[in-house]
Amino acid sequence: MDWLSAKKGFKSYLKLERSLSTNSIEAYLRDIDKITQFLEVQEKNISPLAIQAKDLKDLIQWVNELGMLATTQARLISGIKAFYKYLILEDLLTVDPSALIEAPKTRRKLPDVLTVNEIEALIDALDLSKVENIRNKAMIEVMYGSGLRVSELVGLRLSNYFPDVAFLKITGKGNKERLVPIGSSAIKHLEIYKDTVRNHLEIKKGNEDFIFLNRRGTKLSRVMVFMLIKDLALKIGLQKNISPHTFRHSFATHLIEGGADLRAVQEMLGHESITTTEIYTHLDRDFLKQTIQQFHPRS
């Protein structure tokens, strides 16, 4: 893979999966241009997949010597990390050369969360006379009902689905396995999809164990799920900027709001550190604050 094709794929990823603005996408691409500029100066002919951690550290030292501001360096490092995250997601790399570069200290942003009514409106917008929407309804029920990442959803296998005990075995980040409960509504719609749609597909070799398949009988892509969610949001006139990950955020937030134990939510989400899960307690505090402001007579 050369730098031009890598940048083209990265641009599509930022637009479709990250839903970034044109200006933000251009900023990320300029960060990648800095790598190629550095390689030209150093007279090094290295492909994106052959870059080592030392090359990236030399790049940071180079821009520092050129007088680049600390804030701009932080922006550059963020862009490089996003680029190599994309290459890892696409299975083009197994080792991230940017992992050891110190990440810039940024303020944690609270994610958008859907209300229960908004989730129901998105599901109701599916035209179930179309067979693909029977599958799509099952996917949304599973995303919201079990808090899966989009990569975990499209990689879900029949051999890891246990409806009799209402659990899924999920392989998450770093190939770590976890058991996640699956609700009765998700099981119901998964079974409908399996019996009425999936059983009638001509499944391509190598895809027999994947639960969610396209009409050609092959595993779904992450992009297809992103496009589905964007189309549904547009259909119901939803103003929030949502993605498949929004259902994961909503799953965790609604559990915390309902009084769920933080450790249990951490386990279900597959977070290595509980500090990652604690972001949902911040969301919960905002929810409580809004409730007081709305309903307390002295507010």
C-alpha atoms as a PDB file:
ATOM      1  CA  MET A   1       0.000   0.000   0.000  1.00  0.00           C
ATOM      2  CA  ASP A   2       1.334   3.437  -0.985  1.00  0.00           C
ATOM      3  CA  TRP A   3       0.653   6.737   0.794  1.00  0.00           C
ATOM      4  CA  LEU A   4      -1.886   7.919  -1.809  1.00  0.00           C
ATOM      5  CA  SER A   5      -4.164   4.887  -1.488  1.00  0.00           C
ATOM      6  CA  ALA A   6      -3.750   4.898   2.321  1.00  0.00           C
ATOM      7  CA  LYS A   7      -4.844   8.549   2.458  1.00  0.00           C
ATOM      8  CA  LYS A   8      -7.806   7.840   0.176  1.00  0.00           C
ATOM      9  CA  GLY A   9      -9.019   5.015   2.433  1.00  0.00           C
ATOM     10  CA  PHE A  10      -8.394   7.111   5.558  1.00  0.00           C
ATOM     11  CA  LYS A  11     -10.434   9.970   4.078  1.00  0.00           C
ATOM     12  CA  SER A  12     -13.405   7.642   3.460  1.00  0.00           C
ATOM     13  CA  TYR A  13     -13.124   6.288   7.016  1.00  0.00           C
ATOM     14  CA  LEU A  14     -13.150   9.807   8.515  1.00  0.00           C
ATOM     15  CA  LYS A  15     -16.138  10.814   6.410  1.00  0.00           C
ATOM     16  CA  LEU A  16     -18.321   7.698   6.721  1.00  0.00           C
ATOM     17  CA  GLU A  17     -17.401   6.210  10.087  1.00  0.00           C
ATOM     18  CA  ARG A  18     -16.253   9.232  12.060  1.00  0.00           C
ATOM     19  CA  SER A  19     -18.766  11.619  10.423  1.00  0.00           C
ATOM     20  CA  LEU A  20     -16.239  14.466  10.523  1.00  0.00           C
ATOM     21  CA  SER A  21     -16.670  17.801   8.796  1.00  0.00           C
ATOM     22  CA  THR A  22     -14.776  18.625   5.592  1.00  0.00           C
ATOM     23  CA  ASN A  23     -12.436  20.962   7.522  1.00  0.00           C
ATOM     24  CA  SER A  24     -11.635  18.315  10.142  1.00  0.00           C
ATOM     25  CA  ILE A  25     -10.948  15.705   7.450  1.00  0.00           C
ATOM     26  CA  GLU A  26      -8.577  18.086   5.659  1.00  0.00           C
ATOM     27  CA  ALA A  27      -6.769  18.742   8.970  1.00  0.00           C
ATOM     28  CA  TYR A  28      -6.249  15.006   9.495  1.00  0.00           C
ATOM     29  CA  LEU A  29      -4.959  14.573   5.949  1.00  0.00           C
ATOM     30  CA  ARG A  30      -2.489  17.433   6.470  1.00  0.00           C
ATOM     31  CA  ASP A  31      -1.183  15.556   9.521  1.00  0.00           C
ATOM     32  CA  ILE A  32      -0.459  12.565   7.285  1.00  0.00           C
ATOM     33  CA  ASP A  33       1.203  14.886   4.735  1.00  0.00           C
ATOM     34  CA  LYS A  34       3.643  15.862   7.500  1.00  0.00           C
ATOM     35  CA  ILE A  35       4.841  12.236   7.626  1.00  0.00           C
ATOM     36  CA  THR A  36       5.491  12.122   3.870  1.00  0.00           C
ATOM     37  CA  GLN A  37       7.221  15.526   3.969  1.00  0.00           C
ATOM     38  CA  PHE A  38       9.489  14.285   6.741  1.00  0.00           C
ATOM     39  CA  LEU A  39      10.300  11.091   4.799  1.00  0.00           C
ATOM     40  CA  GLU A  40      11.182  13.163   1.706  1.00  0.00           C
ATOM     41  CA  VAL A  41      13.506  15.393   3.732  1.00  0.00           C
ATOM     42  CA  GLN A  42      15.141  12.321   5.251  1.00  0.00           C
ATOM     43  CA  GLU A  43      15.283  10.678   1.790  1.00  0.00           C
ATOM     44  CA  LYS A  44      13.531   7.617   3.140  1.00  0.00           C
ATOM     45  CA  ASN A  45      11.249   5.548   0.907  1.00  0.00           C
ATOM     46  CA  ILE A  46       8.998   3.897   3.500  1.00  0.00           C
ATOM     47  CA  SER A  47       5.391   2.781   2.937  1.00  0.00           C
ATOM     48  CA  PRO A  48       2.649   3.502   5.519  1.00  0.00           C
ATOM     49  CA  LEU A  49       2.709  -0.142   6.598  1.00  0.00           C
ATOM     50  CA  ALA A  50       6.477  -0.186   7.094  1.00  0.00           C
ATOM     51  CA  ILE A  51       6.727   2.872   9.385  1.00  0.00           C
ATOM     52  CA  GLN A  52       8.274   2.081  12.774  1.00  0.00           C
ATOM     53  CA  ALA A  53       7.824   3.780  16.141  1.00  0.00           C
ATOM     54  CA  LYS A  54      11.336   5.279  15.814  1.00  0.00           C
ATOM     55  CA  ASP A  55      10.370   6.955  12.516  1.00  0.00           C
ATOM     56  CA  LEU A  56       7.400   8.648  14.184  1.00  0.00           C
ATOM     57  CA  LYS A  57       9.493   9.749  17.178  1.00  0.00           C
ATOM     58  CA  ASP A  58      12.057  11.227  14.759  1.00  0.00           C
ATOM     59  CA  LEU A  59       9.200  13.041  13.015  1.00  0.00           C
ATOM     60  CA  ILE A  60       8.026  14.613  16.292  1.00  0.00           C
ATOM     61  CA  GLN A  61      11.584  15.691  17.082  1.00  0.00           C
ATOM     62  CA  TRP A  62      11.892  17.157  13.564  1.00  0.00           C
ATOM     63  CA  VAL A  63       8.734  19.300  13.830  1.00  0.00           C
ATOM     64  CA  ASN A  64       9.803  20.370  17.331  1.00  0.00           C
ATOM     65  CA  GLU A  65      13.130  21.592  15.976  1.00  0.00           C
ATOM     66  CA  LEU A  66      11.270  23.471  13.242  1.00  0.00           C
ATOM     67  CA  GLY A  67       9.532  25.418  16.018  1.00  0.00           C
ATOM     68  CA  MET A  68       6.066  23.865  15.818  1.00  0.00           C
ATOM     69  CA  LEU A  69       3.922  24.939  18.782  1.00  0.00           C
ATOM     70  CA  ALA A  70       3.101  22.380  21.455  1.00  0.00           C
ATOM     71  CA  THR A  71      -0.618  22.618  20.663  1.00  0.00           C
ATOM     72  CA  THR A  72       0.066  21.997  16.965  1.00  0.00           C
ATOM     73  CA  GLN A  73       2.292  19.042  17.862  1.00  0.00           C
ATOM     74  CA  ALA A  74      -0.569  17.631  19.948  1.00  0.00           C
ATOM     75  CA  ARG A  75      -2.869  18.015  16.935  1.00  0.00           C
ATOM     76  CA  LEU A  76      -0.314  16.227  14.720  1.00  0.00           C
ATOM     77  CA  ILE A  77       0.090  13.314  17.152  1.00  0.00           C
ATOM     78  CA  SER A  78      -3.681  12.957  17.394  1.00  0.00           C
ATOM     79  CA  GLY A  79      -3.936  12.763  13.592  1.00  0.00           C
ATOM     80  CA  ILE A  80      -1.156  10.181  13.318  1.00  0.00           C
ATOM     81  CA  LYS A  81      -2.798   8.021  15.991  1.00  0.00           C
ATOM     82  CA  ALA A  82      -6.151   8.214  14.172  1.00  0.00           C
ATOM     83  CA  PHE A  83      -4.450   7.165  10.911  1.00  0.00           C
ATOM     84  CA  TYR A  84      -2.835   4.091  12.443  1.00  0.00           C
ATOM     85  CA  LYS A  85      -6.041   3.220  14.293  1.00  0.00           C
ATOM     86  CA  TYR A  86      -7.717   3.130  10.865  1.00  0.00           C
ATOM     87  CA  LEU A  87      -5.006   0.817   9.463  1.00  0.00           C
ATOM     88  CA  ILE A  88      -5.435  -1.514  12.459  1.00  0.00           C
ATOM     89  CA  LEU A  89      -9.250  -1.517  12.050  1.00  0.00           C
ATOM     90  CA  GLU A  90      -8.835  -2.454   8.393  1.00  0.00           C
ATOM     91  CA  ASP A  91      -6.533  -5.365   9.402  1.00  0.00           C
ATOM     92  CA  LEU A  92      -3.721  -3.840   7.353  1.00  0.00           C
ATOM     93  CA  LEU A  93      -1.499  -3.714  10.449  1.00  0.00           C
ATOM     94  CA  THR A  94      -1.360  -5.738  13.651  1.00  0.00           C
ATOM     95  CA  VAL A  95       1.075  -3.505  15.579  1.00  0.00           C
ATOM     96  CA  ASP A  96       0.435   0.216  16.030  1.00  0.00           C
ATOM     97  CA  PRO A  97       3.727   2.149  15.606  1.00  0.00           C
ATOM     98  CA  SER A  98       2.121   5.256  17.150  1.00  0.00           C
ATOM     99  CA  ALA A  99       1.147   3.488  20.393  1.00  0.00           C
ATOM    100  CA  LEU A 100       4.258   4.606  22.308  1.00  0.00           C
ATOM    101  CA  ILE A 101       3.996   8.251  21.257  1.00  0.00           C
ATOM    102  CA  GLU A 102       2.650  10.175  24.225  1.00  0.00           C
ATOM    103  CA  ALA A 103      -0.936  11.168  23.559  1.00  0.00           C
ATOM    104  CA  PRO A 104      -1.830  14.855  23.940  1.00  0.00           C
ATOM    105  CA  LYS A 105      -3.712  15.764  27.097  1.00  0.00           C
ATOM    106  CA  THR A 106      -7.209  16.619  25.983  1.00  0.00           C
ATOM    107  CA  ARG A 107     -10.414  17.218  27.860  1.00  0.00           C
ATOM    108  CA  ARG A 108     -12.692  14.204  27.712  1.00  0.00           C
ATOM    109  CA  LYS A 109     -15.812  14.912  25.657  1.00  0.00           C
ATOM    110  CA  LEU A 110     -19.123  13.449  26.742  1.00  0.00           C
ATOM    111  CA  PRO A 111     -20.746  11.434  23.933  1.00  0.00           C
ATOM    112  CA  ASP A 112     -24.194  12.018  22.472  1.00  0.00           C
ATOM    113  CA  VAL A 113     -26.829   9.726  23.986  1.00  0.00           C
ATOM    114  CA  LEU A 114     -30.230   8.728  22.628  1.00  0.00           C
ATOM    115  CA  THR A 115     -33.367   8.703  24.751  1.00  0.00           C
ATOM    116  CA  VAL A 116     -35.492   5.547  24.883  1.00  0.00           C
ATOM    117  CA  ASN A 117     -38.118   7.340  22.768  1.00  0.00           C
ATOM    118  CA  GLU A 118     -35.519   8.262  20.134  1.00  0.00           C
ATOM    119  CA  ILE A 119     -34.310   4.658  19.946  1.00  0.00           C
ATOM    120  CA  GLU A 120     -37.898   3.447  19.521  1.00  0.00           C
ATOM    121  CA  ALA A 121     -38.471   6.072  16.802  1.00  0.00           C
ATOM    122  CA  LEU A 122     -35.382   4.866  14.895  1.00  0.00           C
ATOM    123  CA  ILE A 123     -36.557   1.245  15.108  1.00  0.00           C
ATOM    124  CA  ASP A 124     -40.117   2.183  14.110  1.00  0.00           C
ATOM    125  CA  ALA A 125     -38.726   3.943  11.020  1.00  0.00           C
ATOM    126  CA  LEU A 126     -37.652   0.566   9.592  1.00  0.00           C
ATOM    127  CA  ASP A 127     -39.968  -0.667   6.832  1.00  0.00           C
ATOM    128  CA  LEU A 128     -40.305  -4.340   7.795  1.00  0.00           C
ATOM    129  CA  SER A 129     -41.825  -5.235   4.423  1.00  0.00           C
ATOM    130  CA  LYS A 130     -38.216  -5.129   3.194  1.00  0.00           C
ATOM    131  CA  VAL A 131     -36.321  -8.263   4.243  1.00  0.00           C
ATOM    132  CA  GLU A 132     -33.092  -6.385   4.985  1.00  0.00           C
ATOM    133  CA  ASN A 133     -34.905  -4.347   7.632  1.00  0.00           C
ATOM    134  CA  ILE A 134     -35.823  -7.510   9.540  1.00  0.00           C
ATOM    135  CA  ARG A 135     -32.062  -8.000   9.870  1.00  0.00           C
ATOM    136  CA  ASN A 136     -31.491  -4.304  10.600  1.00  0.00           C
ATOM    137  CA  LYS A 137     -34.046  -4.332  13.407  1.00  0.00           C
ATOM    138  CA  ALA A 138     -32.301  -7.335  14.981  1.00  0.00           C
ATOM    139  CA  MET A 139     -28.947  -5.511  14.696  1.00  0.00           C
ATOM    140  CA  ILE A 140     -30.199  -2.372  16.437  1.00  0.00           C
ATOM    141  CA  GLU A 141     -31.842  -4.447  19.175  1.00  0.00           C
ATOM    142  CA  VAL A 142     -28.518  -6.243  19.767  1.00  0.00           C
ATOM    143  CA  MET A 143     -26.441  -3.022  19.686  1.00  0.00           C
ATOM    144  CA  TYR A 144     -28.675  -1.295  22.201  1.00  0.00           C
ATOM    145  CA  GLY A 145     -29.521  -4.397  24.211  1.00  0.00           C
ATOM    146  CA  SER A 146     -25.934  -5.585  24.715  1.00  0.00           C
ATOM    147  CA  GLY A 147     -23.794  -2.452  24.193  1.00  0.00           C
ATOM    148  CA  LEU A 148     -21.652  -3.905  21.409  1.00  0.00           C
ATOM    149  CA  ARG A 149     -19.065  -2.035  19.363  1.00  0.00           C
ATOM    150  CA  VAL A 150     -19.848  -2.026  15.628  1.00  0.00           C
ATOM    151  CA  SER A 151     -16.868  -4.322  14.938  1.00  0.00           C
ATOM    152  CA  GLU A 152     -18.208  -6.755  17.559  1.00  0.00           C
ATOM    153  CA  LEU A 153     -21.662  -6.634  15.975  1.00  0.00           C
ATOM    154  CA  VAL A 154     -20.545  -7.456  12.427  1.00  0.00           C
ATOM    155  CA  GLY A 155     -18.183 -10.130  13.802  1.00  0.00           C
ATOM    156  CA  LEU A 156     -20.879 -11.816  15.911  1.00  0.00           C
ATOM    157  CA  ARG A 157     -21.000 -15.579  15.304  1.00  0.00           C
ATOM    158  CA  LEU A 158     -23.704 -18.201  15.661  1.00  0.00           C
ATOM    159  CA  SER A 159     -21.272 -20.319  17.670  1.00  0.00           C
ATOM    160  CA  ASN A 160     -21.015 -17.504  20.245  1.00  0.00           C
ATOM    161  CA  TYR A 161     -24.765 -16.929  20.556  1.00  0.00           C
ATOM    162  CA  PHE A 162     -26.454 -18.742  23.463  1.00  0.00           C
ATOM    163  CA  PRO A 163     -30.177 -17.807  23.511  1.00  0.00           C
ATOM    164  CA  ASP A 164     -31.030 -20.566  26.016  1.00  0.00           C
ATOM    165  CA  VAL A 165     -28.990 -18.774  28.715  1.00  0.00           C
ATOM    166  CA  ALA A 166     -29.354 -15.267  27.158  1.00  0.00           C
ATOM    167  CA  PHE A 167     -25.621 -14.595  26.674  1.00  0.00           C
ATOM    168  CA  LEU A 168     -23.252 -13.643  23.864  1.00  0.00           C
ATOM    169  CA  LYS A 169     -19.551 -14.458  23.837  1.00  0.00           C
ATOM    170  CA  ILE A 170     -17.829 -11.372  22.442  1.00  0.00           C
ATOM    171  CA  THR A 171     -14.263 -10.975  21.205  1.00  0.00           C
ATOM    172  CA  GLY A 172     -13.402  -7.329  21.833  1.00  0.00           C
ATOM    173  CA  LYS A 173     -10.313  -5.127  21.649  1.00  0.00           C
ATOM    174  CA  GLY A 174      -7.025  -6.973  21.976  1.00  0.00           C
ATOM    175  CA  ASN A 175      -8.857 -10.259  21.209  1.00  0.00           C
ATOM    176  CA  LYS A 176     -10.165 -10.292  24.791  1.00  0.00           C
ATOM    177  CA  GLU A 177     -13.265 -12.394  25.307  1.00  0.00           C
ATOM    178  CA  ARG A 178     -16.185 -11.482  27.554  1.00  0.00           C
ATOM    179  CA  LEU A 179     -19.694 -12.739  28.206  1.00  0.00           C
ATOM    180  CA  VAL A 180     -22.468 -10.199  27.647  1.00  0.00           C
ATOM    181  CA  PRO A 181     -26.149 -10.655  28.516  1.00  0.00           C
ATOM    182  CA  ILE A 182     -28.612 -10.339  25.661  1.00  0.00           C
ATOM    183  CA  GLY A 183     -32.184  -9.176  26.346  1.00  0.00           C
ATOM    184  CA  SER A 184     -35.394 -10.985  25.430  1.00  0.00           C
ATOM    185  CA  SER A 185     -36.323  -8.386  22.786  1.00  0.00           C
ATOM    186  CA  ALA A 186     -32.962  -8.795  21.023  1.00  0.00           C
ATOM    187  CA  ILE A 187     -33.258 -12.602  21.159  1.00  0.00           C
ATOM    188  CA  LYS A 188     -36.805 -12.431  19.747  1.00  0.00           C
ATOM    189  CA  HIS A 189     -35.776 -10.333  16.738  1.00  0.00           C
ATOM    190  CA  LEU A 190     -32.564 -12.305  16.178  1.00  0.00           C
ATOM    191  CA  GLU A 191     -34.593 -15.511  15.987  1.00  0.00           C
ATOM    192  CA  ILE A 192     -37.085 -13.906  13.566  1.00  0.00           C
ATOM    193  CA  TYR A 193     -34.183 -12.786  11.352  1.00  0.00           C
ATOM    194  CA  LYS A 194     -32.535 -16.212  11.490  1.00  0.00           C
ATOM    195  CA  ASP A 195     -35.743 -18.106  10.682  1.00  0.00           C
ATOM    196  CA  THR A 196     -37.294 -15.823   8.053  1.00  0.00           C
ATOM    197  CA  VAL A 197     -34.320 -14.199   6.290  1.00  0.00           C
ATOM    198  CA  ARG A 198     -30.938 -15.757   7.044  1.00  0.00           C
ATOM    199  CA  ASN A 199     -32.129 -19.351   6.465  1.00  0.00           C
ATOM    200  CA  HIS A 200     -33.041 -18.449   2.876  1.00  0.00           C
ATOM    201  CA  LEU A 201     -29.697 -16.867   1.921  1.00  0.00           C
ATOM    202  CA  GLU A 202     -27.121 -18.556  -0.253  1.00  0.00           C
ATOM    203  CA  ILE A 203     -24.200 -18.175   2.170  1.00  0.00           C
ATOM    204  CA  LYS A 204     -20.720 -17.848   0.696  1.00  0.00           C
ATOM    205  CA  LYS A 205     -17.987 -20.154   1.925  1.00  0.00           C
ATOM    206  CA  GLY A 206     -16.207 -18.801   5.007  1.00  0.00           C
ATOM    207  CA  ASN A 207     -19.242 -16.788   6.141  1.00  0.00           C
ATOM    208  CA  GLU A 208     -21.369 -19.630   7.513  1.00  0.00           C
ATOM    209  CA  ASP A 209     -20.825 -18.726  11.173  1.00  0.00           C
ATOM    210  CA  PHE A 210     -21.432 -14.971  10.950  1.00  0.00           C
ATOM    211  CA  ILE A 211     -24.919 -14.025  12.145  1.00  0.00           C
ATOM    212  CA  PHE A 212     -25.482 -10.838  10.151  1.00  0.00           C
ATOM    213  CA  LEU A 213     -25.061 -11.233   6.396  1.00  0.00           C
ATOM    214  CA  ASN A 214     -25.758  -9.089   3.339  1.00  0.00           C
ATOM    215  CA  ARG A 215     -27.960 -10.241   0.456  1.00  0.00           C
ATOM    216  CA  ARG A 216     -24.890 -11.805  -1.216  1.00  0.00           C
ATOM    217  CA  GLY A 217     -24.424 -14.093   1.786  1.00  0.00           C
ATOM    218  CA  THR A 218     -21.256 -12.469   3.106  1.00  0.00           C
ATOM    219  CA  LYS A 219     -20.358 -10.716   6.362  1.00  0.00           C
ATOM    220  CA  LEU A 220     -21.550  -7.123   6.725  1.00  0.00           C
ATOM    221  CA  SER A 221     -19.075  -4.237   6.708  1.00  0.00           C
ATOM    222  CA  ARG A 222     -18.855  -1.593   9.442  1.00  0.00           C
ATOM    223  CA  VAL A 223     -19.582   1.092   6.838  1.00  0.00           C
ATOM    224  CA  MET A 224     -22.911  -0.532   5.955  1.00  0.00           C
ATOM    225  CA  VAL A 225     -24.029  -0.300   9.607  1.00  0.00           C
ATOM    226  CA  PHE A 226     -22.897   3.352   9.784  1.00  0.00           C
ATOM    227  CA  MET A 227     -24.887   4.201   6.654  1.00  0.00           C
ATOM    228  CA  LEU A 228     -28.000   2.468   8.029  1.00  0.00           C
ATOM    229  CA  ILE A 229     -27.906   4.531  11.240  1.00  0.00           C
ATOM    230  CA  LYS A 230     -27.310   7.792   9.352  1.00  0.00           C
ATOM    231  CA  ASP A 231     -30.235   7.067   6.998  1.00  0.00           C
ATOM    232  CA  LEU A 232     -32.596   6.277   9.886  1.00  0.00           C
ATOM    233  CA  ALA A 233     -31.602   9.469  11.743  1.00  0.00           C
ATOM    234  CA  LEU A 234     -32.301  11.482   8.580  1.00  0.00           C
ATOM    235  CA  LYS A 235     -35.628   9.705   8.104  1.00  0.00           C
ATOM    236  CA  ILE A 236     -36.969  10.706  11.537  1.00  0.00           C
ATOM    237  CA  GLY A 237     -35.378  14.177  11.460  1.00  0.00           C
ATOM    238  CA  LEU A 238     -33.069  13.474  14.410  1.00  0.00           C
ATOM    239  CA  GLN A 239     -30.773  16.455  15.021  1.00  0.00           C
ATOM    240  CA  LYS A 240     -28.118  14.560  16.991  1.00  0.00           C
ATOM    241  CA  ASN A 241     -24.940  13.393  15.250  1.00  0.00           C
ATOM    242  CA  ILE A 242     -25.200   9.647  15.824  1.00  0.00           C
ATOM    243  CA  SER A 243     -23.375   6.477  14.798  1.00  0.00           C
ATOM    244  CA  PRO A 244     -23.553   2.789  15.826  1.00  0.00           C
ATOM    245  CA  HIS A 245     -21.391   3.703  18.835  1.00  0.00           C
ATOM    246  CA  THR A 246     -24.198   5.979  20.071  1.00  0.00           C
ATOM    247  CA  PHE A 247     -26.238   2.866  20.896  1.00  0.00           C
ATOM    248  CA  ARG A 248     -23.351   1.607  23.040  1.00  0.00           C
ATOM    249  CA  HIS A 249     -23.221   4.957  24.877  1.00  0.00           C
ATOM    250  CA  SER A 250     -26.995   4.868  25.325  1.00  0.00           C
ATOM    251  CA  PHE A 251     -26.884   1.282  26.648  1.00  0.00           C
ATOM    252  CA  ALA A 252     -24.343   2.242  29.328  1.00  0.00           C
ATOM    253  CA  THR A 253     -25.990   5.550  30.240  1.00  0.00           C
ATOM    254  CA  HIS A 254     -29.445   4.037  30.651  1.00  0.00           C
ATOM    255  CA  LEU A 255     -28.010   1.284  32.866  1.00  0.00           C
ATOM    256  CA  ILE A 256     -26.220   3.811  35.098  1.00  0.00           C
ATOM    257  CA  GLU A 257     -29.317   6.020  35.265  1.00  0.00           C
ATOM    258  CA  GLY A 258     -31.294   2.955  36.313  1.00  0.00           C
ATOM    259  CA  GLY A 259     -28.903   2.285  39.205  1.00  0.00           C
ATOM    260  CA  ALA A 260     -26.654  -0.410  37.696  1.00  0.00           C
ATOM    261  CA  ASP A 261     -23.336  -1.170  39.406  1.00  0.00           C
ATOM    262  CA  LEU A 262     -20.419   0.571  37.664  1.00  0.00           C
ATOM    263  CA  ARG A 263     -18.252  -2.581  37.801  1.00  0.00           C
ATOM    264  CA  ALA A 264     -21.004  -4.606  36.124  1.00  0.00           C
ATOM    265  CA  VAL A 265     -21.279  -2.031  33.327  1.00  0.00           C
ATOM    266  CA  GLN A 266     -17.473  -2.042  32.945  1.00  0.00           C
ATOM    267  CA  GLU A 267     -17.560  -5.831  32.539  1.00  0.00           C
ATOM    268  CA  MET A 268     -20.350  -5.738  29.965  1.00  0.00           C
ATOM    269  CA  LEU A 269     -18.667  -3.002  27.906  1.00  0.00           C
ATOM    270  CA  GLY A 270     -15.293  -4.744  28.061  1.00  0.00           C
ATOM    271  CA  HIS A 271     -13.458  -1.673  29.387  1.00  0.00           C
ATOM    272  CA  GLU A 272      -9.986  -2.496  30.658  1.00  0.00           C
ATOM    273  CA  SER A 273     -10.039   0.422  33.096  1.00  0.00           C
ATOM    274  CA  ILE A 274     -13.015   1.546  35.158  1.00  0.00           C
ATOM    275  CA  THR A 275     -11.999   5.172  34.546  1.00  0.00           C
ATOM    276  CA  THR A 276     -13.241   4.700  30.956  1.00  0.00           C
ATOM    277  CA  THR A 277     -16.625   3.542  32.270  1.00  0.00           C
ATOM    278  CA  GLU A 278     -16.787   6.445  34.740  1.00  0.00           C
ATOM    279  CA  ILE A 279     -17.597   8.821  31.870  1.00  0.00           C
ATOM    280  CA  TYR A 280     -21.155   7.501  32.148  1.00  0.00           C
ATOM    281  CA  THR A 281     -21.400   8.643  35.755  1.00  0.00           C
ATOM    282  CA  HIS A 282     -20.658  12.153  34.420  1.00  0.00           C
ATOM    283  CA  LEU A 283     -23.518  11.734  31.962  1.00  0.00           C
ATOM    284  CA  ASP A 284     -25.704  10.561  34.836  1.00  0.00           C
ATOM    285  CA  ARG A 285     -24.845  13.674  36.872  1.00  0.00           C
ATOM    286  CA  ASP A 286     -25.834  15.852  33.906  1.00  0.00           C
ATOM    287  CA  PHE A 287     -29.122  13.944  33.703  1.00  0.00           C
ATOM    288  CA  LEU A 288     -29.773  14.543  37.410  1.00  0.00           C
ATOM    289  CA  LYS A 289     -28.876  18.222  37.083  1.00  0.00           C
ATOM    290  CA  GLN A 290     -31.288  18.645  34.169  1.00  0.00           C
ATOM    291  CA  THR A 291     -34.018  16.882  36.154  1.00  0.00           C
ATOM    292  CA  ILE A 292     -33.573  19.284  39.093  1.00  0.00           C
ATOM    293  CA  GLN A 293     -33.527  22.330  36.823  1.00  0.00           C
ATOM    294  CA  GLN A 294     -36.664  21.164  35.056  1.00  0.00           C
ATOM    295  CA  PHE A 295     -38.769  20.001  37.975  1.00  0.00           C
ATOM    296  CA  HIS A 296     -37.550  21.665  41.219  1.00  0.00           C
ATOM    297  CA  PRO A 297     -39.688  24.678  42.200  1.00  0.00           C
ATOM    298  CA  ARG A 298     -36.621  26.716  43.280  1.00  0.00           C
ATOM    299  CA  SER A 299     -34.671  26.136  40.038  1.00  0.00           C
END
